[in-house]
């Protein structure tokens, strides 16, 4: 009688461990991921869903004024830039809208709207001095230098994360 129970335990224990292993490695969460360079190593993330939007705000290095880029998560995992706001009309900033876009000046700021620029990812070097790269998500601001070492080259993308990856990374919302 004891022999039968030990056979069940010997069979069920590996099966249980295998199921736990699968649960840890199965992608379950879509996230806006900040990866170290192009290594795939997640430094920080924010859970995000298709259709949600976020913004990247920074201080322009020459004009020393705010620039805000607005993005939307697409169903195919791409990031769509749909708007750009800036305060100074000079070096490095667009002077007009491209085909299908609109250009507007309002309250001393310039807006490029109706943009349809899509990316699988984009790279950024977190500012060391005055860039103050800030993620704006759900009307909250998250200074990237609080989560990522200033000067670090990062890749920003939409990715599916499993539980193991979530435990290793830094959820910026927590």
N, C-alpha and C. Protein backbone atom coordinates (compact mmCIF):
# COMPACT_ATOMS: atom_id res chain seq x y z
N UNK A 1 0.82 -1.19 0.00
CA UNK A 1 0.00 0.00 0.00
C UNK A 1 0.87 1.26 0.00
N UNK A 2 1.92 1.29 0.73
CA UNK A 2 2.82 2.44 0.78
C UNK A 2 3.52 2.62 -0.55
N UNK A 3 3.81 1.53 -1.22
CA UNK A 3 4.50 1.59 -2.50
C UNK A 3 3.67 2.34 -3.54
N UNK A 4 2.37 2.17 -3.55
CA UNK A 4 1.48 2.84 -4.50
C UNK A 4 1.47 4.35 -4.31
N UNK A 5 1.47 4.80 -3.05
CA UNK A 5 1.48 6.24 -2.78
C UNK A 5 2.79 6.88 -3.20
N UNK A 6 3.90 6.20 -2.98
CA UNK A 6 5.18 6.78 -3.37
C UNK A 6 5.31 6.88 -4.89
N UNK A 7 4.71 5.95 -5.61
CA UNK A 7 4.71 6.02 -7.08
C UNK A 7 3.92 7.24 -7.53
N UNK A 8 2.77 7.48 -6.87
CA UNK A 8 1.96 8.65 -7.22
C UNK A 8 2.73 9.95 -6.95
N UNK A 9 3.41 9.99 -5.80
CA UNK A 9 4.19 11.18 -5.45
C UNK A 9 5.33 11.37 -6.45
N UNK A 10 6.00 10.29 -6.80
CA UNK A 10 7.10 10.38 -7.77
C UNK A 10 6.60 10.84 -9.14
N UNK A 11 5.38 10.49 -9.47
CA UNK A 11 4.81 10.91 -10.75
C UNK A 11 4.28 12.35 -10.67
N UNK A 12 3.57 12.68 -9.58
CA UNK A 12 2.93 13.98 -9.46
C UNK A 12 3.90 15.13 -9.19
N UNK A 13 4.95 14.86 -8.44
CA UNK A 13 5.91 15.93 -8.12
C UNK A 13 6.56 16.51 -9.38
N UNK A 14 7.12 15.68 -10.26
CA UNK A 14 7.69 16.25 -11.50
C UNK A 14 6.64 16.94 -12.37
N UNK A 15 5.43 16.38 -12.39
CA UNK A 15 4.36 17.00 -13.17
C UNK A 15 4.02 18.37 -12.60
N UNK A 16 3.91 18.45 -11.27
CA UNK A 16 3.64 19.72 -10.59
C UNK A 16 4.75 20.72 -10.87
N UNK A 17 6.01 20.33 -10.77
CA UNK A 17 7.15 21.21 -11.04
C UNK A 17 7.16 21.68 -12.49
N UNK A 18 6.80 20.79 -13.41
CA UNK A 18 6.74 21.13 -14.82
C UNK A 18 5.65 22.19 -15.08
N UNK A 19 4.51 22.04 -14.43
CA UNK A 19 3.41 23.00 -14.59
C UNK A 19 3.83 24.36 -14.04
N UNK A 20 4.48 24.38 -12.89
CA UNK A 20 4.98 25.63 -12.31
C UNK A 20 5.98 26.29 -13.27
N UNK A 21 6.89 25.49 -13.80
CA UNK A 21 7.89 25.97 -14.76
C UNK A 21 7.21 26.62 -15.97
N UNK A 22 6.19 25.95 -16.53
CA UNK A 22 5.46 26.49 -17.67
C UNK A 22 4.76 27.80 -17.33
N UNK A 23 4.16 27.87 -16.15
CA UNK A 23 3.47 29.09 -15.74
C UNK A 23 4.43 30.26 -15.60
N UNK A 24 5.62 30.00 -15.12
CA UNK A 24 6.61 31.06 -14.95
C UNK A 24 7.10 31.60 -16.29
N UNK A 25 7.15 30.73 -17.30
CA UNK A 25 7.76 31.12 -18.58
C UNK A 25 6.76 31.46 -19.68
N UNK A 26 5.47 31.30 -19.43
CA UNK A 26 4.46 31.62 -20.43
C UNK A 26 4.15 33.11 -20.39
N UNK A 27 4.31 33.81 -21.52
CA UNK A 27 4.01 35.24 -21.54
C UNK A 27 2.54 35.50 -21.19
N UNK A 28 2.33 36.37 -20.22
CA UNK A 28 0.97 36.64 -19.77
C UNK A 28 0.62 38.13 -19.75
N UNK A 29 1.60 39.00 -19.78
CA UNK A 29 1.37 40.43 -19.64
C UNK A 29 2.00 41.18 -20.81
N UNK A 30 1.24 42.09 -21.40
CA UNK A 30 1.79 43.00 -22.38
C UNK A 30 2.31 44.21 -21.62
N UNK A 31 3.51 44.66 -21.99
CA UNK A 31 4.13 45.76 -21.25
C UNK A 31 4.91 46.68 -22.17
N UNK A 32 5.02 47.92 -21.73
CA UNK A 32 5.95 48.88 -22.32
C UNK A 32 7.27 48.60 -21.61
N UNK A 33 8.25 48.12 -22.35
CA UNK A 33 9.48 47.59 -21.77
C UNK A 33 10.65 48.52 -22.09
N UNK A 34 11.48 48.76 -21.08
CA UNK A 34 12.70 49.54 -21.23
C UNK A 34 13.85 48.56 -21.06
N UNK A 35 14.52 48.26 -22.18
CA UNK A 35 15.58 47.25 -22.18
C UNK A 35 16.95 47.90 -22.25
N UNK A 36 17.92 47.21 -21.67
CA UNK A 36 19.31 47.66 -21.72
C UNK A 36 19.83 47.47 -23.13
N UNK A 37 20.16 48.57 -23.78
CA UNK A 37 20.68 48.60 -25.15
C UNK A 37 19.83 47.68 -26.02
N UNK A 38 20.46 46.82 -26.77
CA UNK A 38 19.72 45.87 -27.61
C UNK A 38 19.92 44.45 -27.09
N UNK A 39 20.13 44.31 -25.79
CA UNK A 39 20.45 43.02 -25.19
C UNK A 39 19.22 42.19 -24.86
N UNK A 40 18.05 42.82 -24.78
CA UNK A 40 16.85 42.11 -24.37
C UNK A 40 16.68 42.07 -22.85
N UNK A 41 17.65 42.59 -22.09
CA UNK A 41 17.57 42.60 -20.64
C UNK A 41 16.65 43.74 -20.19
N UNK A 42 15.55 43.39 -19.52
CA UNK A 42 14.58 44.37 -19.07
C UNK A 42 15.08 45.11 -17.84
N UNK A 43 15.10 46.44 -17.92
CA UNK A 43 15.48 47.28 -16.78
C UNK A 43 14.24 47.74 -16.02
N UNK A 44 13.19 48.07 -16.75
CA UNK A 44 11.95 48.55 -16.14
C UNK A 44 10.81 48.32 -17.14
N UNK A 45 9.60 48.33 -16.63
CA UNK A 45 8.44 48.13 -17.51
C UNK A 45 7.19 48.71 -16.86
N UNK A 46 6.17 48.87 -17.70
CA UNK A 46 4.83 49.25 -17.25
C UNK A 46 3.84 48.36 -17.97
N UNK A 47 3.00 47.66 -17.24
CA UNK A 47 1.94 46.89 -17.92
C UNK A 47 1.08 47.84 -18.75
N UNK A 48 0.80 47.45 -19.99
CA UNK A 48 0.05 48.32 -20.90
C UNK A 48 -0.74 47.44 -21.85
N UNK A 49 -1.83 47.96 -22.37
CA UNK A 49 -2.70 47.19 -23.27
C UNK A 49 -2.82 47.87 -24.62
N UNK A 50 -3.26 47.09 -25.58
CA UNK A 50 -3.53 47.62 -26.92
C UNK A 50 -4.48 48.81 -26.81
N UNK A 51 -4.16 49.87 -27.53
CA UNK A 51 -5.00 51.06 -27.55
C UNK A 51 -4.63 52.10 -26.50
N UNK A 52 -3.87 51.70 -25.48
CA UNK A 52 -3.47 52.67 -24.46
C UNK A 52 -2.40 53.60 -25.01
N UNK A 53 -2.30 54.77 -24.41
CA UNK A 53 -1.35 55.76 -24.86
C UNK A 53 -0.35 56.09 -23.75
N UNK A 54 0.78 56.62 -24.17
CA UNK A 54 1.79 57.12 -23.25
C UNK A 54 2.53 58.25 -23.94
N UNK A 55 3.26 59.02 -23.15
CA UNK A 55 4.02 60.14 -23.69
C UNK A 55 5.43 60.10 -23.15
N UNK A 56 6.35 60.59 -23.94
CA UNK A 56 7.73 60.79 -23.51
C UNK A 56 7.98 62.29 -23.54
N UNK A 57 8.36 62.83 -22.40
CA UNK A 57 8.65 64.26 -22.29
C UNK A 57 10.13 64.41 -21.97
N UNK A 58 10.75 65.41 -22.59
CA UNK A 58 12.16 65.70 -22.31
C UNK A 58 12.44 67.17 -22.56
N UNK A 59 13.54 67.63 -22.02
CA UNK A 59 13.98 69.01 -22.24
C UNK A 59 14.95 68.99 -23.43
N UNK A 60 14.63 69.76 -24.46
CA UNK A 60 15.48 69.81 -25.65
C UNK A 60 16.85 70.37 -25.28
N UNK A 61 17.90 69.72 -25.76
CA UNK A 61 19.27 70.07 -25.35
C UNK A 61 19.72 71.45 -25.82
N UNK A 62 19.17 71.96 -26.89
CA UNK A 62 19.59 73.27 -27.40
C UNK A 62 18.64 74.37 -26.92
N UNK A 63 17.34 74.13 -27.07
CA UNK A 63 16.34 75.16 -26.73
C UNK A 63 16.06 75.23 -25.23
N UNK A 64 16.33 74.15 -24.53
CA UNK A 64 16.05 74.01 -23.10
C UNK A 64 14.56 74.22 -22.80
N UNK A 65 13.72 73.74 -23.71
CA UNK A 65 12.27 73.79 -23.52
C UNK A 65 11.71 72.38 -23.67
N UNK A 66 10.49 72.18 -23.19
CA UNK A 66 9.88 70.85 -23.21
C UNK A 66 9.47 70.41 -24.61
N UNK A 67 9.67 69.11 -24.85
CA UNK A 67 9.18 68.43 -26.03
C UNK A 67 8.40 67.23 -25.51
N UNK A 68 7.20 67.01 -26.07
CA UNK A 68 6.38 65.88 -25.65
C UNK A 68 5.99 65.09 -26.89
N UNK A 69 6.36 63.81 -26.91
CA UNK A 69 6.01 62.89 -27.99
C UNK A 69 4.90 61.97 -27.48
N UNK A 70 3.80 61.85 -28.23
CA UNK A 70 2.66 61.03 -27.81
C UNK A 70 2.59 59.77 -28.65
N UNK A 71 2.36 58.63 -27.97
CA UNK A 71 2.37 57.32 -28.61
C UNK A 71 1.14 56.50 -28.23
N UNK A 72 0.81 55.56 -29.10
CA UNK A 72 -0.30 54.64 -28.86
C UNK A 72 0.17 53.22 -29.15
N UNK A 73 -0.29 52.26 -28.33
CA UNK A 73 0.04 50.84 -28.52
C UNK A 73 -0.92 50.26 -29.54
N UNK A 74 -0.38 49.70 -30.60
CA UNK A 74 -1.20 49.13 -31.68
C UNK A 74 -1.41 47.62 -31.47
N UNK A 75 -2.40 47.08 -32.15
CA UNK A 75 -2.76 45.66 -31.97
C UNK A 75 -1.65 44.71 -32.42
N UNK A 76 -0.80 45.15 -33.33
CA UNK A 76 0.28 44.29 -33.83
C UNK A 76 1.57 44.45 -33.02
N UNK A 77 1.51 45.15 -31.89
CA UNK A 77 2.68 45.32 -31.03
C UNK A 77 3.56 46.51 -31.41
N UNK A 78 3.18 47.23 -32.44
CA UNK A 78 3.94 48.41 -32.82
C UNK A 78 3.56 49.59 -31.93
N UNK A 79 4.43 50.57 -31.92
CA UNK A 79 4.20 51.82 -31.21
C UNK A 79 3.97 52.89 -32.28
N UNK A 80 2.84 53.56 -32.19
CA UNK A 80 2.50 54.60 -33.17
C UNK A 80 2.67 55.97 -32.53
N UNK A 81 3.53 56.79 -33.13
CA UNK A 81 3.62 58.18 -32.69
C UNK A 81 2.51 58.94 -33.41
N UNK A 82 1.64 59.59 -32.62
CA UNK A 82 0.51 60.29 -33.23
C UNK A 82 0.54 61.80 -33.01
N UNK A 83 1.45 62.28 -32.13
CA UNK A 83 1.51 63.72 -31.91
C UNK A 83 2.89 64.11 -31.38
N UNK A 84 3.28 65.34 -31.69
CA UNK A 84 4.52 65.93 -31.19
C UNK A 84 4.21 67.36 -30.78
N UNK A 85 4.62 67.73 -29.56
CA UNK A 85 4.43 69.08 -29.06
C UNK A 85 5.79 69.64 -28.69
N UNK A 86 6.07 70.88 -29.10
CA UNK A 86 7.32 71.53 -28.74
C UNK A 86 7.08 73.03 -28.62
N UNK A 87 8.03 73.70 -27.99
CA UNK A 87 7.85 75.12 -27.67
C UNK A 87 8.72 76.05 -28.49
N UNK A 88 9.79 75.54 -29.07
CA UNK A 88 10.70 76.39 -29.83
C UNK A 88 10.83 75.87 -31.26
N UNK A 89 10.77 76.80 -32.18
CA UNK A 89 10.77 76.52 -33.59
C UNK A 89 12.18 76.74 -34.14
N UNK A 90 13.06 75.82 -33.92
CA UNK A 90 14.44 76.02 -34.36
C UNK A 90 15.10 74.68 -34.64
N UNK A 91 16.41 74.61 -34.45
CA UNK A 91 17.22 73.44 -34.78
C UNK A 91 16.64 72.15 -34.20
N UNK A 92 16.49 71.17 -35.08
CA UNK A 92 16.07 69.85 -34.64
C UNK A 92 14.58 69.65 -34.54
N UNK A 93 13.79 70.67 -34.77
CA UNK A 93 12.35 70.55 -34.66
C UNK A 93 11.72 70.74 -36.04
N UNK A 94 10.66 70.01 -36.33
CA UNK A 94 10.03 70.14 -37.65
C UNK A 94 9.43 71.52 -37.87
N UNK A 95 9.48 71.97 -39.11
CA UNK A 95 8.93 73.29 -39.41
C UNK A 95 7.55 73.21 -40.04
N UNK A 96 7.14 71.99 -40.40
CA UNK A 96 5.84 71.84 -41.03
C UNK A 96 5.38 70.39 -40.92
N UNK A 97 4.13 70.17 -41.26
CA UNK A 97 3.55 68.83 -41.20
C UNK A 97 3.86 68.05 -42.48
N UNK A 98 3.98 66.76 -42.35
CA UNK A 98 4.13 65.88 -43.50
C UNK A 98 2.74 65.54 -44.05
N UNK A 99 2.70 64.80 -45.12
CA UNK A 99 1.44 64.43 -45.76
C UNK A 99 0.50 63.75 -44.75
N UNK A 100 -0.73 64.27 -44.68
CA UNK A 100 -1.74 63.71 -43.80
C UNK A 100 -1.70 64.24 -42.38
N UNK A 101 -0.64 64.95 -42.02
CA UNK A 101 -0.50 65.49 -40.67
C UNK A 101 -1.02 66.92 -40.64
N UNK A 102 -1.27 67.42 -39.44
CA UNK A 102 -1.68 68.82 -39.29
C UNK A 102 -0.69 69.53 -38.37
N UNK A 103 -0.49 70.80 -38.65
CA UNK A 103 0.41 71.64 -37.86
C UNK A 103 -0.43 72.73 -37.22
N UNK A 104 -0.24 72.95 -35.93
CA UNK A 104 -1.04 73.95 -35.22
C UNK A 104 -0.19 74.67 -34.18
N UNK A 105 -0.42 75.96 -34.04
CA UNK A 105 0.21 76.74 -32.97
C UNK A 105 -0.90 77.13 -32.01
N UNK A 106 -0.70 76.83 -30.72
CA UNK A 106 -1.73 77.12 -29.73
C UNK A 106 -1.06 77.42 -28.40
N UNK A 107 -1.40 78.54 -27.80
CA UNK A 107 -0.88 78.94 -26.49
C UNK A 107 0.65 78.91 -26.43
N UNK A 108 1.29 79.37 -27.51
CA UNK A 108 2.75 79.45 -27.53
C UNK A 108 3.45 78.12 -27.77
N UNK A 109 2.70 77.10 -28.12
CA UNK A 109 3.29 75.78 -28.38
C UNK A 109 2.93 75.35 -29.80
N UNK A 110 3.77 74.49 -30.35
CA UNK A 110 3.56 73.96 -31.69
C UNK A 110 3.18 72.49 -31.59
N UNK A 111 2.20 72.10 -32.40
CA UNK A 111 1.72 70.73 -32.39
C UNK A 111 1.73 70.14 -33.79
N UNK A 112 2.30 68.96 -33.91
CA UNK A 112 2.13 68.14 -35.11
C UNK A 112 1.15 67.06 -34.71
N UNK A 113 0.04 67.00 -35.41
CA UNK A 113 -1.01 66.02 -35.06
C UNK A 113 -1.32 65.13 -36.25
N UNK A 114 -2.09 64.09 -35.96
CA UNK A 114 -2.48 63.10 -36.98
C UNK A 114 -1.27 62.40 -37.56
N UNK A 115 -0.23 62.27 -36.76
CA UNK A 115 0.97 61.55 -37.21
C UNK A 115 0.66 60.05 -37.24
N UNK A 116 1.30 59.36 -38.14
CA UNK A 116 1.14 57.90 -38.21
C UNK A 116 2.53 57.28 -38.45
N UNK A 117 3.39 57.50 -37.48
CA UNK A 117 4.75 56.97 -37.55
C UNK A 117 4.82 55.77 -36.62
N UNK A 118 5.13 54.61 -37.18
CA UNK A 118 5.08 53.36 -36.42
C UNK A 118 6.46 52.76 -36.26
N UNK A 119 6.66 52.18 -35.08
CA UNK A 119 7.95 51.59 -34.73
C UNK A 119 7.73 50.27 -34.00
N UNK A 120 8.63 49.32 -34.23
CA UNK A 120 8.65 48.12 -33.38
C UNK A 120 9.35 48.45 -32.07
N UNK A 121 10.28 49.40 -32.15
CA UNK A 121 10.99 49.87 -30.96
C UNK A 121 11.65 51.20 -31.31
N UNK A 122 12.09 51.91 -30.29
CA UNK A 122 12.93 53.09 -30.52
C UNK A 122 13.93 53.18 -29.39
N UNK A 123 15.08 53.76 -29.71
CA UNK A 123 16.19 53.84 -28.76
C UNK A 123 16.30 55.25 -28.18
N UNK A 124 16.85 55.30 -26.97
CA UNK A 124 16.98 56.55 -26.25
C UNK A 124 18.15 56.42 -25.30
N UNK A 125 18.88 57.48 -25.13
CA UNK A 125 19.91 57.52 -24.09
C UNK A 125 19.35 58.40 -22.97
N UNK A 126 19.18 57.81 -21.79
CA UNK A 126 18.60 58.54 -20.66
C UNK A 126 19.54 59.69 -20.31
N UNK A 127 19.00 60.90 -20.31
CA UNK A 127 19.80 62.10 -20.11
C UNK A 127 20.53 62.14 -18.78
N UNK A 128 21.77 62.63 -18.83
CA UNK A 128 22.60 62.78 -17.63
C UNK A 128 22.47 64.15 -17.01
N UNK A 129 22.28 65.18 -17.83
CA UNK A 129 22.39 66.54 -17.34
C UNK A 129 21.03 67.21 -17.20
N UNK A 130 20.38 67.50 -18.34
CA UNK A 130 19.15 68.29 -18.24
C UNK A 130 17.99 67.74 -19.05
N UNK A 131 18.14 66.63 -19.71
CA UNK A 131 17.06 66.12 -20.55
C UNK A 131 15.81 65.74 -19.75
N UNK A 132 16.02 65.23 -18.54
CA UNK A 132 14.89 64.86 -17.69
C UNK A 132 13.85 64.01 -18.42
N UNK A 133 14.30 62.97 -19.11
CA UNK A 133 13.38 62.08 -19.81
C UNK A 133 12.33 61.55 -18.84
N UNK A 134 11.08 61.79 -19.19
CA UNK A 134 9.97 61.44 -18.31
C UNK A 134 8.91 60.70 -19.10
N UNK A 135 8.47 59.57 -18.56
CA UNK A 135 7.35 58.82 -19.12
C UNK A 135 6.08 59.37 -18.49
N UNK A 136 5.09 59.68 -19.31
CA UNK A 136 3.78 60.09 -18.80
C UNK A 136 2.81 58.98 -19.17
N UNK A 137 2.22 58.37 -18.15
CA UNK A 137 1.29 57.26 -18.36
C UNK A 137 0.15 57.39 -17.36
N UNK A 138 -1.07 57.32 -17.84
CA UNK A 138 -2.26 57.42 -17.00
C UNK A 138 -2.20 58.68 -16.13
N UNK A 139 -1.79 59.78 -16.76
CA UNK A 139 -1.72 61.10 -16.13
C UNK A 139 -0.73 61.17 -14.96
N UNK A 140 0.20 60.23 -14.89
CA UNK A 140 1.27 60.23 -13.90
C UNK A 140 2.60 60.38 -14.61
N UNK A 141 3.55 61.05 -13.99
CA UNK A 141 4.88 61.23 -14.57
C UNK A 141 5.89 60.36 -13.84
N UNK A 142 6.76 59.71 -14.62
CA UNK A 142 7.79 58.82 -14.09
C UNK A 142 9.13 59.23 -14.68
N UNK A 143 9.97 59.85 -13.88
CA UNK A 143 11.28 60.28 -14.33
C UNK A 143 12.14 59.03 -14.56
N UNK A 144 12.60 58.83 -15.79
CA UNK A 144 13.34 57.60 -16.13
C UNK A 144 14.60 57.43 -15.29
N UNK A 145 15.24 58.53 -14.91
CA UNK A 145 16.48 58.42 -14.14
C UNK A 145 16.25 57.87 -12.73
N UNK A 146 15.00 57.76 -12.30
CA UNK A 146 14.70 57.11 -11.02
C UNK A 146 14.73 55.59 -11.15
N UNK A 147 14.63 55.09 -12.37
CA UNK A 147 14.56 53.66 -12.61
C UNK A 147 15.76 53.13 -13.41
N UNK A 148 16.38 54.03 -14.17
CA UNK A 148 17.45 53.64 -15.09
C UNK A 148 18.61 54.62 -14.91
N UNK A 149 19.81 54.11 -14.85
CA UNK A 149 21.01 54.93 -14.65
C UNK A 149 21.13 55.98 -15.77
N UNK A 150 21.25 57.27 -15.42
CA UNK A 150 21.45 58.31 -16.45
C UNK A 150 22.66 57.97 -17.34
N UNK A 151 22.51 58.22 -18.63
CA UNK A 151 23.55 57.91 -19.59
C UNK A 151 23.37 56.56 -20.25
N UNK A 152 22.46 55.74 -19.73
CA UNK A 152 22.23 54.39 -20.27
C UNK A 152 21.47 54.47 -21.58
N UNK A 153 21.96 53.70 -22.56
CA UNK A 153 21.25 53.56 -23.83
C UNK A 153 20.18 52.51 -23.61
N UNK A 154 18.92 52.84 -23.91
CA UNK A 154 17.82 51.89 -23.73
C UNK A 154 17.04 51.73 -25.02
N UNK A 155 16.39 50.60 -25.12
CA UNK A 155 15.46 50.32 -26.22
C UNK A 155 14.07 50.25 -25.60
N UNK A 156 13.13 50.96 -26.19
CA UNK A 156 11.75 51.00 -25.71
C UNK A 156 10.89 50.25 -26.70
N UNK A 157 10.10 49.30 -26.19
CA UNK A 157 9.27 48.50 -27.08
C UNK A 157 8.08 47.92 -26.33
N UNK A 158 7.15 47.37 -27.06
CA UNK A 158 6.04 46.63 -26.49
C UNK A 158 6.43 45.16 -26.54
N UNK A 159 6.27 44.48 -25.43
CA UNK A 159 6.66 43.07 -25.38
C UNK A 159 5.72 42.31 -24.47
N UNK A 160 5.66 41.01 -24.68
CA UNK A 160 4.90 40.13 -23.79
C UNK A 160 5.87 39.61 -22.74
N UNK A 161 5.47 39.69 -21.48
CA UNK A 161 6.35 39.27 -20.38
C UNK A 161 5.72 38.11 -19.63
N UNK A 162 6.57 37.18 -19.20
CA UNK A 162 6.10 36.11 -18.33
C UNK A 162 6.34 36.52 -16.88
N UNK A 163 5.86 35.67 -15.96
CA UNK A 163 6.00 35.99 -14.53
C UNK A 163 7.45 36.12 -14.11
N UNK A 164 8.32 35.29 -14.64
CA UNK A 164 9.74 35.33 -14.29
C UNK A 164 10.35 36.67 -14.68
N UNK A 165 10.06 37.13 -15.89
CA UNK A 165 10.59 38.42 -16.36
C UNK A 165 10.04 39.58 -15.52
N UNK A 166 8.78 39.49 -15.14
CA UNK A 166 8.18 40.54 -14.31
C UNK A 166 8.86 40.60 -12.94
N UNK A 167 9.17 39.47 -12.37
CA UNK A 167 9.84 39.45 -11.06
C UNK A 167 11.24 40.03 -11.14
N UNK A 168 11.92 39.81 -12.28
CA UNK A 168 13.29 40.30 -12.43
C UNK A 168 13.33 41.81 -12.72
N UNK A 169 12.32 42.33 -13.43
CA UNK A 169 12.31 43.74 -13.82
C UNK A 169 11.72 44.63 -12.75
N UNK A 170 11.74 45.93 -13.02
CA UNK A 170 11.19 46.92 -12.10
C UNK A 170 9.89 47.46 -12.69
N UNK A 171 8.77 47.16 -12.02
CA UNK A 171 7.50 47.71 -12.44
C UNK A 171 7.45 49.16 -11.98
N UNK A 172 7.43 50.09 -12.92
CA UNK A 172 7.51 51.50 -12.59
C UNK A 172 6.25 52.00 -11.87
N UNK A 173 5.16 51.24 -11.95
CA UNK A 173 3.92 51.65 -11.29
C UNK A 173 3.90 51.29 -9.81
N UNK A 174 4.80 50.43 -9.38
CA UNK A 174 4.79 49.98 -7.99
C UNK A 174 5.79 50.73 -7.15
